[in-house]
Amino acid sequence: MAICVTDSAVKEEMTVGDIIELTWSNKRHGKARIENHGTSWKILRIEDSVGFSRLAGPWLLIKSVQDDDLRWINQDNDPAFKIIE
C-alpha cells in the first residue's frame, strides 16, 4: 500500500505489516536515524496512545527494514519524522 502524508493528513489507512518510507523533519534526531537505519520501516504495532507522550495517536511501532532498530513514531505529528510515499 502506498502511504502519503500531505499537510499531516494520511491519505490511506496504515496496517500492521505495511512498509512505510520515512524522511526526517528534524535535522538533529531524524536525519541521523535515517542515515544510520534507512528510509524503509515496517509497522509492527499501532496504538492510540503511548505512556511517554501526551500527543494523540495513532502511534506506530516501527522496525527498520535495513536492520533491527525499533522506534515509536506519531503517525500524524511526529517531531522528527514524516511518512512519505
C-alpha atoms as a PDB file:
ATOM      1  CA  MET A   1       0.000   0.000   0.000  1.00  0.00           C
ATOM      2  CA  ALA A   2       1.320   3.459  -0.847  1.00  0.00           C
ATOM      3  CA  ILE A   3       1.309   5.846   2.074  1.00  0.00           C
ATOM      4  CA  CYS A   4       1.457   9.576   1.592  1.00  0.00           C
ATOM      5  CA  VAL A   5       1.280  12.373   4.126  1.00  0.00           C
ATOM      6  CA  THR A   6       0.193  15.779   2.905  1.00  0.00           C
ATOM      7  CA  ASP A   7      -0.312  18.567   5.443  1.00  0.00           C
ATOM      8  CA  SER A   8      -0.303  15.921   8.216  1.00  0.00           C
ATOM      9  CA  ALA A   9      -3.276  14.061   6.727  1.00  0.00           C
ATOM     10  CA  VAL A  10      -2.714  10.419   5.853  1.00  0.00           C
ATOM     11  CA  LYS A  11      -4.479   9.544   2.622  1.00  0.00           C
ATOM     12  CA  GLU A  12      -4.639   5.781   3.211  1.00  0.00           C
ATOM     13  CA  GLU A  13      -5.086   3.748   6.369  1.00  0.00           C
ATOM     14  CA  MET A  14      -1.977   2.043   7.669  1.00  0.00           C
ATOM     15  CA  THR A  15      -1.990  -1.505   8.977  1.00  0.00           C
ATOM     16  CA  VAL A  16       0.430  -3.762  10.841  1.00  0.00           C
ATOM     17  CA  GLY A  17       2.872  -5.263   8.352  1.00  0.00           C
ATOM     18  CA  ASP A  18       2.882  -2.285   5.966  1.00  0.00           C
ATOM     19  CA  ILE A  19       6.242  -0.938   4.833  1.00  0.00           C
ATOM     20  CA  ILE A  20       6.457   2.850   5.080  1.00  0.00           C
ATOM     21  CA  GLU A  21       9.074   5.293   3.829  1.00  0.00           C
ATOM     22  CA  LEU A  22      10.343   7.977   6.200  1.00  0.00           C
ATOM     23  CA  THR A  23      12.110  11.258   5.771  1.00  0.00           C
ATOM     24  CA  TRP A  24      13.395  13.471   8.558  1.00  0.00           C
ATOM     25  CA  SER A  25      11.703  16.656   9.652  1.00  0.00           C
ATOM     26  CA  ASN A  26      14.113  17.431  12.492  1.00  0.00           C
ATOM     27  CA  LYS A  27      17.742  17.629  11.451  1.00  0.00           C
ATOM     28  CA  ARG A  28      19.120  16.767  14.883  1.00  0.00           C
ATOM     29  CA  HIS A  29      17.297  13.497  15.546  1.00  0.00           C
ATOM     30  CA  GLY A  30      15.583  12.323  12.385  1.00  0.00           C
ATOM     31  CA  LYS A  31      18.390  12.869   9.906  1.00  0.00           C
ATOM     32  CA  ALA A  32      20.897  10.713  11.813  1.00  0.00           C
ATOM     33  CA  ARG A  33      18.333   7.937  12.346  1.00  0.00           C
ATOM     34  CA  ILE A  34      17.522   7.812   8.619  1.00  0.00           C
ATOM     35  CA  GLU A  35      21.211   7.872   7.658  1.00  0.00           C
ATOM     36  CA  ASN A  36      22.014   5.017  10.062  1.00  0.00           C
ATOM     37  CA  HIS A  37      18.944   2.816   9.616  1.00  0.00           C
ATOM     38  CA  GLY A  38      17.478   3.625   6.185  1.00  0.00           C
ATOM     39  CA  THR A  39      14.210   5.067   4.935  1.00  0.00           C
ATOM     40  CA  SER A  40      12.130   1.844   4.806  1.00  0.00           C
ATOM     41  CA  TRP A  41      10.408   0.747   8.024  1.00  0.00           C
ATOM     42  CA  LYS A  42       7.874  -1.991   8.805  1.00  0.00           C
ATOM     43  CA  ILE A  43       4.885  -1.276  11.073  1.00  0.00           C
ATOM     44  CA  LEU A  44       4.841  -3.745  13.983  1.00  0.00           C
ATOM     45  CA  ARG A  45       2.133  -2.208  16.167  1.00  0.00           C
ATOM     46  CA  ILE A  46      -0.415   0.626  16.116  1.00  0.00           C
ATOM     47  CA  GLU A  47      -1.634   2.231  19.363  1.00  0.00           C
ATOM     48  CA  ASP A  48      -3.951   5.147  20.152  1.00  0.00           C
ATOM     49  CA  SER A  49      -1.669   6.359  22.951  1.00  0.00           C
ATOM     50  CA  VAL A  50       1.747   5.696  24.490  1.00  0.00           C
ATOM     51  CA  GLY A  51       2.966   6.251  28.039  1.00  0.00           C
ATOM     52  CA  PHE A  52       5.857   8.535  27.098  1.00  0.00           C
ATOM     53  CA  SER A  53       3.913  11.240  25.232  1.00  0.00           C
ATOM     54  CA  ARG A  54       0.739  13.280  25.562  1.00  0.00           C
ATOM     55  CA  LEU A  55       0.375  13.563  21.776  1.00  0.00           C
ATOM     56  CA  ALA A  56      -2.754  11.893  20.461  1.00  0.00           C
ATOM     57  CA  GLY A  57      -2.241   8.822  18.297  1.00  0.00           C
ATOM     58  CA  PRO A  58      -2.124   6.884  16.263  1.00  0.00           C
ATOM     59  CA  TRP A  59       1.362   5.817  17.303  1.00  0.00           C
ATOM     60  CA  LEU A  60       3.296   3.339  15.167  1.00  0.00           C
ATOM     61  CA  LEU A  61       5.952   0.965  16.486  1.00  0.00           C
ATOM     62  CA  ILE A  62       8.238   0.549  13.503  1.00  0.00           C
ATOM     63  CA  LYS A  63      11.318  -1.557  12.718  1.00  0.00           C
ATOM     64  CA  SER A  64      13.949  -0.674  10.169  1.00  0.00           C
ATOM     65  CA  VAL A  65      13.938  -2.968   7.132  1.00  0.00           C
ATOM     66  CA  GLN A  66      17.715  -2.441   6.927  1.00  0.00           C
ATOM     67  CA  ASP A  67      18.477  -3.646  10.484  1.00  0.00           C
ATOM     68  CA  ASP A  68      16.730  -4.339  13.801  1.00  0.00           C
ATOM     69  CA  ASP A  69      16.335  -0.747  15.007  1.00  0.00           C
ATOM     70  CA  LEU A  70      12.938  -0.081  16.620  1.00  0.00           C
ATOM     71  CA  ARG A  71      11.208   3.187  17.436  1.00  0.00           C
ATOM     72  CA  TRP A  72       7.799   4.712  18.016  1.00  0.00           C
ATOM     73  CA  ILE A  73       6.598   7.492  15.722  1.00  0.00           C
ATOM     74  CA  ASN A  74       3.440   9.537  15.770  1.00  0.00           C
ATOM     75  CA  GLN A  75       1.643   8.933  12.504  1.00  0.00           C
ATOM     76  CA  ASP A  76       0.392  12.486  12.048  1.00  0.00           C
ATOM     77  CA  ASN A  77       2.545  14.770  14.181  1.00  0.00           C
ATOM     78  CA  ASP A  78       5.988  13.309  14.833  1.00  0.00           C
ATOM     79  CA  PRO A  79       8.619  15.930  15.711  1.00  0.00           C
ATOM     80  CA  ALA A  80      11.485  14.077  13.998  1.00  0.00           C
ATOM     81  CA  PHE A  81       9.966  12.178  11.038  1.00  0.00           C
ATOM     82  CA  LYS A  82       7.467  12.425   8.209  1.00  0.00           C
ATOM     83  CA  ILE A  83       5.938   9.488   6.389  1.00  0.00           C
ATOM     84  CA  ILE A  84       6.336   9.872   2.627  1.00  0.00           C
ATOM     85  CA  GLU A  85       5.104   7.966  -0.408  1.00  0.00           C
END
